[in-house]
Amino acid sequence: MTARPSPSWSTLSSVSEIHSADSLPKLNVAMRLLFLNHNYRDEGTFCRAMPMAENLVKRGHQVTLITVSPDHRWRSSRSCVNGVQIVETPGLGQENSGEGYGPLDNLLRCGHTILRKYDIIHMFDHKPNATFSAFAGRWRGAILVADWADWWGGPGGLNDVPKRRLPIVGDFEAWWEERSKLWADGVVTISTVLRERAIHLGCAPDRVVYIPSGASLDRIRPVNKLEARAQLGIPQDRRMLGFIGFGQADLEIVMRALQHLPEVWLMVVGPESPRVLTLAQSFGVADRLWQTGWVPDVTNYLGSADLMCMPMKDSPANRGRFPNKVLDYLAAGRPIVASPVGDVEAIVRDYGVGSLASDESFADEIRRLLDNDQLGEDLGRAARRTAETLFDWDPLIDRLLDFYRCLLRARR
């Protein structure tokens, strides 16, 4: 697939565009908001929806977030976290032909939106459990906002996986991914690539807004590398790359680079994966792979790495997303070696937070940063500064609220 040139970040969506919306109308009233997430709790776009909800509650709005229970197949449960009312629906059937098709889950959500009135229903992607009940809620007068966080359909999309789902389901999702955006009142995209796609589909430009996820600035902070290694028992002289997250795709790019860097280790922070171990064995680097397993606090792990890596094949799925792991790298103040794909390319290039590398040059760029401590420190400081400015949740929530109010004003 031919790679697309990446326009300047400032051309597509400047910092001033995100941080200033003075031309939009203001409605300074508390709103009743419903967030519909298609994932299990604490997975996938839940990690985008939840901090949005928490920040909206801080502004005085009422937010209910419905997600799928990872623990209960037949019953729902309720909890309140930082003011956000969380409803976990039954997980029965969640894995059938991809997430979002659970019968009890969808039935309970439809009942919820028919019986309760909301000002805004924010749908976190197109899966049935995130959209069908939302369109039922439109009958009660709710404004529908579609959140587009991944490129799903078509060749190279997330659904382009052999035997992942029934063919008829894949065909439906490819159609519904786009149709649900066209039928929504507004669209929020996680990346500039998806914003361009929405407008190309026919969504009115003033009804589409780019709002990336924010960084976890309080949860993840820069720490001294030597002190972090002492806490974790890591040799001080070890040269080590870091990689974080539940999603562990495209690591073969890094494994291949490690073949040319015999003294460098790879730390993968997240659940231990037999697939990753098998991959490392196939490249002959398993003796330098450290899978940490799940950890409750990633700060010292990120801080112990010399630099972090973000390998990505050039595919629609990777162009369309903006990985949460990049935000964690920035918050930790670590330099990044990344593939030149999607918005990640523009961030690394325009804000000087790391180095871009093709698959063939990944090892060379890793070596270049490892051999220049001062450069690594400078890039790390720029990374934290970028997290504190471009990806601070406060101005991003300002932007989201202005968008909501604009849609409400248009309805009136």
Protein backbone atom coordinates (compact mmCIF):
# COMPACT_ATOMS: atom_id res chain seq x y z
CA MET A 1 0.00 0.00 0.00
CA THR A 2 1.36 3.36 -1.00
CA ALA A 3 2.23 5.61 1.91
CA ARG A 4 0.51 8.96 2.02
CA PRO A 5 2.56 12.10 2.63
CA SER A 6 1.95 13.54 6.07
CA PRO A 7 0.91 17.20 6.01
CA SER A 8 2.22 19.57 8.61
CA TRP A 9 0.56 19.09 11.98
CA SER A 10 -0.11 22.81 12.18
CA THR A 11 -1.78 22.73 8.76
CA LEU A 12 -4.24 20.04 9.82
CA SER A 13 -5.03 21.12 13.36
CA SER A 14 -2.92 23.65 15.14
CA VAL A 15 -2.44 23.97 18.86
CA SER A 16 -4.32 27.25 18.73
CA GLU A 17 -7.27 25.50 17.08
CA ILE A 18 -7.46 23.01 19.92
CA HIS A 19 -6.93 25.51 22.72
CA SER A 20 -9.15 28.31 21.45
CA ALA A 21 -12.78 28.23 20.39
CA ASP A 22 -13.81 31.78 21.08
CA SER A 23 -16.03 31.93 18.01
CA LEU A 24 -18.27 29.13 19.25
CA PRO A 25 -21.47 29.91 21.19
CA LYS A 26 -21.55 29.37 24.95
CA LEU A 27 -24.33 27.73 26.91
CA ASN A 28 -23.23 27.79 30.53
CA VAL A 29 -25.64 25.18 31.83
CA ALA A 30 -25.06 21.71 33.22
CA MET A 31 -25.69 18.97 30.69
CA ARG A 32 -26.90 15.40 31.08
CA LEU A 33 -24.46 13.27 29.12
CA LEU A 34 -24.45 9.57 28.25
CA PHE A 35 -21.27 7.87 27.06
CA LEU A 36 -21.72 4.53 25.28
CA ASN A 37 -18.55 2.45 25.17
CA HIS A 38 -18.41 -0.83 23.25
CA ASN A 39 -15.45 -2.38 25.10
CA TYR A 40 -15.04 -4.20 28.35
CA ARG A 41 -14.42 -1.85 31.26
CA ASP A 42 -10.82 -0.59 31.39
CA GLU A 43 -10.08 -1.70 27.83
CA GLY A 44 -9.91 0.00 24.44
CA THR A 45 -11.83 3.24 24.06
CA PHE A 46 -12.99 3.03 27.67
CA CYS A 47 -9.56 4.54 28.36
CA ARG A 48 -10.56 7.53 26.19
CA ALA A 49 -14.15 7.82 27.41
CA MET A 50 -13.45 7.62 31.15
CA PRO A 51 -11.03 10.57 31.50
CA MET A 52 -13.31 12.63 29.27
CA ALA A 53 -16.20 11.80 31.59
CA GLU A 54 -14.20 12.59 34.74
CA ASN A 55 -13.17 15.98 33.39
CA LEU A 56 -16.73 16.80 32.36
CA VAL A 57 -17.98 15.94 35.85
CA LYS A 58 -15.40 18.38 37.26
CA ARG A 59 -17.10 21.07 35.15
CA GLY A 60 -20.45 20.33 36.79
CA HIS A 61 -22.02 18.06 34.17
CA GLN A 62 -23.79 14.77 34.86
CA VAL A 63 -22.16 11.84 33.06
CA THR A 64 -23.27 8.22 32.84
CA LEU A 65 -20.86 5.81 31.13
CA ILE A 66 -22.15 2.43 29.97
CA THR A 67 -19.55 -0.23 29.29
CA VAL A 68 -19.39 -4.05 29.24
CA SER A 69 -18.67 -6.00 32.41
CA PRO A 70 -15.56 -8.20 32.23
CA ASP A 71 -16.80 -10.16 35.26
CA HIS A 72 -20.53 -10.79 34.82
CA ARG A 73 -22.15 -12.49 31.82
CA TRP A 74 -25.79 -12.36 32.93
CA ARG A 75 -26.27 -9.28 35.08
CA SER A 76 -25.43 -5.60 35.16
CA SER A 77 -23.84 -3.58 37.95
CA ARG A 78 -23.44 0.07 38.90
CA SER A 79 -20.68 2.10 40.53
CA CYS A 80 -19.60 5.70 40.89
CA VAL A 81 -15.97 6.66 40.21
CA ASN A 82 -14.89 10.29 40.59
CA GLY A 83 -18.48 11.39 40.07
CA VAL A 84 -18.99 9.35 36.89
CA GLN A 85 -21.95 6.94 37.06
CA ILE A 86 -20.67 3.70 35.52
CA VAL A 87 -23.10 1.01 34.34
CA GLU A 88 -21.56 -2.35 33.44
CA THR A 89 -23.84 -4.39 31.20
CA PRO A 90 -23.76 -8.23 30.92
CA GLY A 91 -20.82 -9.61 28.97
CA LEU A 92 -22.76 -12.51 27.41
CA GLY A 93 -21.92 -12.68 23.69
CA GLN A 94 -19.42 -9.81 23.78
CA GLU A 95 -16.86 -11.85 21.85
CA ASN A 96 -19.27 -13.06 19.15
CA SER A 97 -18.05 -11.84 15.74
CA GLY A 98 -16.22 -8.99 17.43
CA GLU A 99 -17.17 -6.77 20.35
CA GLY A 100 -20.53 -5.10 20.74
CA TYR A 101 -23.02 -7.83 19.81
CA GLY A 102 -24.10 -9.11 23.22
CA PRO A 103 -27.91 -9.54 23.21
CA LEU A 104 -28.52 -8.63 26.87
CA ASP A 105 -26.04 -5.78 26.62
CA ASN A 106 -27.83 -4.22 23.64
CA LEU A 107 -31.30 -4.81 25.05
CA LEU A 108 -30.50 -3.15 28.38
CA ARG A 109 -28.85 -0.18 26.69
CA CYS A 110 -31.86 0.40 24.46
CA GLY A 111 -34.13 0.28 27.48
CA HIS A 112 -31.88 2.78 29.26
CA THR A 113 -31.92 5.35 26.47
CA ILE A 114 -35.66 5.02 25.87
CA LEU A 115 -36.52 5.49 29.54
CA ARG A 116 -34.01 8.26 30.35
CA LYS A 117 -33.56 11.64 28.75
CA TYR A 118 -30.11 13.00 27.91
CA ASP A 119 -28.92 16.20 26.25
CA ILE A 120 -25.99 14.49 24.52
CA ILE A 121 -25.34 10.82 23.77
CA HIS A 122 -21.70 10.30 22.86
CA MET A 123 -21.12 7.03 20.95
CA PHE A 124 -17.60 5.65 21.28
CA ASP A 125 -17.31 4.13 17.83
CA HIS A 126 -19.80 2.29 15.66
CA LYS A 127 -20.36 -1.10 17.29
CA PRO A 128 -24.03 -2.04 17.84
CA ASN A 129 -23.89 -1.59 21.63
CA ALA A 130 -22.43 1.91 21.20
CA THR A 131 -24.86 3.08 18.51
CA PHE A 132 -28.19 1.22 18.31
CA SER A 133 -29.34 2.42 21.73
CA ALA A 134 -28.09 5.93 20.93
CA PHE A 135 -30.35 6.19 17.91
CA ALA A 136 -33.18 4.92 20.11
CA GLY A 137 -32.31 7.75 22.50
CA ARG A 138 -32.64 10.30 19.72
CA TRP A 139 -36.39 9.66 19.99
CA ARG A 140 -36.17 11.35 23.42
CA GLY A 141 -34.50 14.39 21.89
CA ALA A 142 -30.81 13.62 22.49
CA ILE A 143 -28.06 15.05 20.29
CA LEU A 144 -25.90 12.20 18.95
CA VAL A 145 -22.12 12.56 18.79
CA ALA A 146 -20.07 9.83 17.10
CA ASP A 147 -16.54 9.35 18.40
CA TRP A 148 -14.23 7.95 15.71
CA ALA A 149 -11.12 6.50 17.30
CA ASP A 150 -10.10 3.75 14.86
CA TRP A 151 -10.16 2.93 11.15
CA TRP A 152 -12.12 -0.32 11.09
CA GLY A 153 -13.34 -1.24 7.62
CA GLY A 154 -11.72 -1.92 4.28
CA PRO A 155 -8.31 -3.36 3.39
CA GLY A 156 -5.80 -2.66 6.15
CA GLY A 157 -8.47 -1.69 8.68
CA LEU A 158 -8.82 -3.24 12.12
CA ASN A 159 -11.43 -5.68 10.82
CA ASP A 160 -9.15 -6.88 8.04
CA VAL A 161 -8.23 -10.01 9.98
CA PRO A 162 -8.84 -13.49 8.50
CA LYS A 163 -11.53 -15.53 10.30
CA ARG A 164 -12.09 -12.76 12.84
CA ARG A 165 -15.83 -12.54 12.12
CA LEU A 166 -18.59 -13.80 9.88
CA PRO A 167 -18.28 -12.20 6.41
CA ILE A 168 -21.79 -10.71 6.62
CA VAL A 169 -20.86 -9.04 9.92
CA GLY A 170 -17.71 -7.58 8.41
CA ASP A 171 -19.70 -6.21 5.46
CA PHE A 172 -22.26 -4.67 7.80
CA GLU A 173 -19.59 -3.05 9.97
CA ALA A 174 -17.78 -1.57 6.97
CA TRP A 175 -21.07 0.10 5.95
CA TRP A 176 -22.19 1.05 9.47
CA GLU A 177 -18.84 2.54 10.47
CA GLU A 178 -19.39 5.27 7.88
CA ARG A 179 -23.18 5.49 7.93
CA SER A 180 -23.32 6.03 11.71
CA LYS A 181 -21.07 9.08 11.29
CA LEU A 182 -23.24 10.53 8.54
CA TRP A 183 -26.40 10.05 10.60
CA ALA A 184 -24.96 11.50 13.81
CA ASP A 185 -25.39 15.18 14.65
CA GLY A 186 -21.65 15.62 15.14
CA VAL A 187 -18.41 13.66 14.87
CA VAL A 188 -15.37 13.79 17.16
CA THR A 189 -12.20 12.20 15.76
CA ILE A 190 -9.10 11.08 17.61
CA SER A 191 -6.86 11.85 14.64
CA THR A 192 -6.60 14.35 11.83
CA VAL A 193 -6.68 11.45 9.34
CA LEU A 194 -10.13 10.37 10.53
CA ARG A 195 -11.33 13.98 10.46
CA GLU A 196 -10.34 14.19 6.80
CA ARG A 197 -12.08 10.87 6.16
CA ALA A 198 -15.31 12.07 7.83
CA ILE A 199 -15.38 15.22 5.71
CA HIS A 200 -14.62 13.21 2.57
CA LEU A 201 -17.62 10.98 3.38
CA GLY A 202 -19.89 14.01 3.34
CA CYS A 203 -20.01 15.11 6.99
CA ALA A 204 -20.24 18.90 7.18
CA PRO A 205 -16.85 20.31 8.24
CA ASP A 206 -18.44 22.39 11.02
CA ARG A 207 -19.95 19.20 12.44
CA VAL A 208 -16.57 17.41 12.66
CA VAL A 209 -13.97 18.25 15.29
CA TYR A 210 -10.57 16.74 15.96
CA ILE A 211 -9.99 16.12 19.67
CA PRO A 212 -7.18 13.74 20.61
CA SER A 213 -7.06 11.98 23.93
CA GLY A 214 -5.22 13.75 26.71
CA ALA A 215 -2.12 12.56 28.52
CA SER A 216 -2.16 11.23 32.09
CA LEU A 217 -0.08 14.09 33.44
CA ASP A 218 -0.74 13.36 37.13
CA ARG A 219 -0.53 9.58 36.93
CA ILE A 220 2.70 9.50 34.88
CA ARG A 221 5.54 11.91 35.55
CA PRO A 222 9.23 12.03 34.59
CA VAL A 223 11.52 10.29 37.09
CA ASN A 224 15.28 9.88 37.41
CA LYS A 225 16.34 6.88 35.32
CA LEU A 226 18.96 5.63 37.80
CA GLU A 227 16.54 5.84 40.71
CA ALA A 228 13.82 4.06 38.74
CA ARG A 229 16.22 1.26 37.86
CA ALA A 230 17.31 0.94 41.46
CA GLN A 231 13.66 0.58 42.50
CA LEU A 232 13.09 -2.17 39.92
CA GLY A 233 16.42 -3.95 40.29
CA ILE A 234 17.52 -3.24 36.71
CA PRO A 235 21.28 -3.07 36.05
CA GLN A 236 22.34 0.57 35.72
CA ASP A 237 24.49 -0.08 32.65
CA ARG A 238 21.84 -1.98 30.69
CA ARG A 239 20.77 -0.38 27.42
CA MET A 240 17.02 -0.77 27.19
CA LEU A 241 14.15 0.12 24.91
CA GLY A 242 10.64 0.40 26.27
CA PHE A 243 7.22 -0.46 24.86
CA ILE A 244 3.90 -0.31 26.70
CA GLY A 245 0.32 -1.36 26.25
CA PHE A 246 -2.25 -4.09 25.77
CA GLY A 247 -1.92 -3.68 22.01
CA GLN A 248 1.41 -5.24 21.04
CA ALA A 249 1.29 -5.23 17.24
CA ASP A 250 4.13 -4.58 14.80
CA LEU A 251 6.86 -5.50 17.30
CA GLU A 252 8.62 -7.46 14.57
CA ILE A 253 10.00 -4.08 13.42
CA VAL A 254 11.75 -3.72 16.78
CA MET A 255 12.79 -7.38 16.95
CA ARG A 256 14.49 -7.05 13.59
CA ALA A 257 16.31 -3.94 14.80
CA LEU A 258 17.49 -5.78 17.92
CA GLN A 259 19.27 -8.29 15.71
CA HIS A 260 21.67 -5.44 14.87
CA LEU A 261 21.90 -4.20 18.47
CA PRO A 262 23.24 -7.18 20.43
CA GLU A 263 23.65 -5.24 23.70
CA VAL A 264 20.13 -3.72 23.74
CA TRP A 265 17.17 -5.14 25.67
CA LEU A 266 13.45 -4.69 24.98
CA MET A 267 11.09 -4.15 27.94
CA VAL A 268 7.41 -4.75 27.14
CA VAL A 269 5.20 -3.30 29.87
CA GLY A 270 1.83 -5.04 29.88
CA PRO A 271 0.32 -8.51 30.00
CA GLU A 272 2.76 -11.28 29.17
CA SER A 273 2.11 -12.55 25.65
CA PRO A 274 3.15 -15.97 24.33
CA ARG A 275 2.93 -14.48 20.83
CA VAL A 276 5.51 -11.81 21.68
CA LEU A 277 7.83 -14.43 23.18
CA THR A 278 7.46 -16.64 20.09
CA LEU A 279 8.18 -13.64 17.89
CA ALA A 280 11.33 -12.81 19.86
CA GLN A 281 12.46 -16.43 19.60
CA SER A 282 11.98 -16.37 15.84
CA PHE A 283 14.31 -13.36 15.61
CA GLY A 284 16.81 -14.83 18.07
CA VAL A 285 16.41 -12.05 20.66
CA ALA A 286 14.33 -13.80 23.32
CA ASP A 287 17.24 -13.66 25.78
CA ARG A 288 16.94 -9.84 25.70
CA LEU A 289 13.17 -9.62 26.03
CA TRP A 290 11.62 -8.65 29.37
CA GLN A 291 7.84 -8.87 29.62
CA THR A 292 6.91 -7.22 32.90
CA GLY A 293 3.35 -8.50 33.10
CA TRP A 294 0.58 -6.20 34.26
CA VAL A 295 1.80 -3.54 36.70
CA PRO A 296 -0.38 -1.10 38.70
CA ASP A 297 1.98 1.87 38.28
CA VAL A 298 4.00 2.23 35.09
CA THR A 299 5.96 5.36 36.07
CA ASN A 300 9.21 3.69 37.13
CA TYR A 301 9.07 1.25 34.24
CA LEU A 302 8.80 4.05 31.71
CA GLY A 303 11.41 6.06 33.55
CA SER A 304 13.87 3.16 33.54
CA ALA A 305 14.00 2.94 29.73
CA ASP A 306 16.63 4.80 27.73
CA LEU A 307 14.01 5.49 25.10
CA MET A 308 10.59 4.26 24.01
CA CYS A 309 9.58 2.79 20.68
CA MET A 310 6.44 3.11 18.55
CA PRO A 311 6.68 0.71 15.61
CA MET A 312 3.81 0.86 13.10
CA LYS A 313 3.23 -0.64 9.71
CA ASP A 314 1.83 1.84 7.21
CA SER A 315 -1.82 0.75 7.10
CA PRO A 316 -5.18 2.57 7.30
CA ALA A 317 -5.65 1.20 10.83
CA ASN A 318 -2.37 2.74 12.00
CA ARG A 319 -2.85 6.01 10.09
CA GLY A 320 -6.26 6.50 11.64
CA ARG A 321 -5.42 5.95 15.28
CA PHE A 322 -3.41 7.83 17.87
CA PRO A 323 -2.05 5.25 20.32
CA ASN A 324 -2.45 5.90 24.05
CA LYS A 325 1.05 4.53 24.55
CA VAL A 326 2.49 7.58 22.78
CA LEU A 327 0.73 9.82 25.31
CA ASP A 328 2.27 7.76 28.12
CA TYR A 329 5.72 8.14 26.57
CA LEU A 330 5.27 11.90 26.33
CA ALA A 331 3.98 12.20 29.90
CA ALA A 332 6.98 10.21 31.15
CA GLY A 333 9.35 12.55 29.32
CA ARG A 334 11.02 9.77 27.35
CA PRO A 335 12.47 10.17 23.84
CA ILE A 336 10.65 8.15 21.16
CA VAL A 337 11.74 6.26 18.07
CA ALA A 338 8.64 5.93 15.89
CA SER A 339 7.56 4.83 12.46
CA PRO A 340 6.54 7.77 10.20
CA VAL A 341 2.83 6.90 10.14
CA GLY A 342 -0.28 9.01 10.80
CA ASP A 343 -0.39 11.75 13.40
CA VAL A 344 2.51 10.16 15.28
CA GLU A 345 4.79 11.21 12.44
CA ALA A 346 3.67 14.84 12.70
CA ILE A 347 4.01 14.97 16.49
CA VAL A 348 7.53 13.53 16.51
CA ARG A 349 8.65 15.75 13.63
CA ASP A 350 6.98 19.03 14.58
CA TYR A 351 7.57 18.94 18.33
CA GLY A 352 11.04 17.40 18.48
CA VAL A 353 10.17 14.55 20.86
CA GLY A 354 12.14 11.81 19.18
CA SER A 355 13.25 10.37 15.90
CA LEU A 356 11.37 8.96 12.91
CA ALA A 357 12.63 5.72 11.42
CA SER A 358 11.70 3.46 8.53
CA ASP A 359 11.66 -0.27 9.19
CA GLU A 360 15.15 -0.48 7.68
CA SER A 361 16.59 2.41 9.72
CA PHE A 362 14.99 1.57 13.08
CA ALA A 363 18.21 0.08 14.45
CA ASP A 364 20.29 3.05 13.26
CA GLU A 365 17.97 5.59 14.93
CA ILE A 366 17.93 3.62 18.18
CA ARG A 367 21.72 3.53 18.12
CA ARG A 368 21.95 7.26 17.38
CA LEU A 369 19.84 8.19 20.40
CA LEU A 370 21.52 5.68 22.71
CA ASP A 371 24.91 7.10 21.82
CA ASN A 372 23.94 10.71 22.58
CA ASP A 373 22.78 11.17 26.17
CA GLN A 374 22.36 14.93 25.83
CA LEU A 375 20.14 14.54 22.78
CA GLY A 376 18.03 12.01 24.65
CA GLU A 377 17.59 14.40 27.58
CA ASP A 378 16.61 17.26 25.27
CA LEU A 379 14.07 15.11 23.44
CA GLY A 380 12.68 13.90 26.77
CA ARG A 381 12.12 17.43 28.03
CA ALA A 382 10.38 18.31 24.77
CA ALA A 383 8.19 15.22 25.16
CA ARG A 384 6.93 16.24 28.60
CA ARG A 385 6.42 19.82 27.43
CA THR A 386 4.31 18.54 24.52
CA ALA A 387 2.23 16.42 26.88
CA GLU A 388 1.62 19.44 29.15
CA THR A 389 0.53 21.69 26.29
CA LEU A 390 -0.86 19.87 23.27
CA PHE A 391 -2.32 16.96 25.25
CA ASP A 392 -3.49 18.62 28.46
CA TRP A 393 -7.05 17.43 29.14
CA ASP A 394 -8.30 20.86 30.32
CA PRO A 395 -8.16 22.68 26.96
CA LEU A 396 -9.25 19.53 25.15
CA ILE A 397 -12.38 19.38 27.31
CA ASP A 398 -12.96 23.09 26.62
CA ARG A 399 -12.95 22.20 22.95
CA LEU A 400 -15.34 19.27 23.47
CA LEU A 401 -17.78 21.38 25.50
CA ASP A 402 -17.76 24.11 22.89
CA PHE A 403 -18.57 21.49 20.26
CA TYR A 404 -21.43 20.08 22.34
CA ARG A 405 -22.84 23.58 22.86
CA CYS A 406 -22.55 24.38 19.18
CA LEU A 407 -24.60 21.28 18.33
CA LEU A 408 -27.20 22.12 20.99
CA ARG A 409 -27.48 25.68 19.72
CA ALA A 410 -27.96 24.41 16.15
CA ARG A 411 -30.76 22.10 17.29
CA ARG A 412 -32.55 25.02 18.98
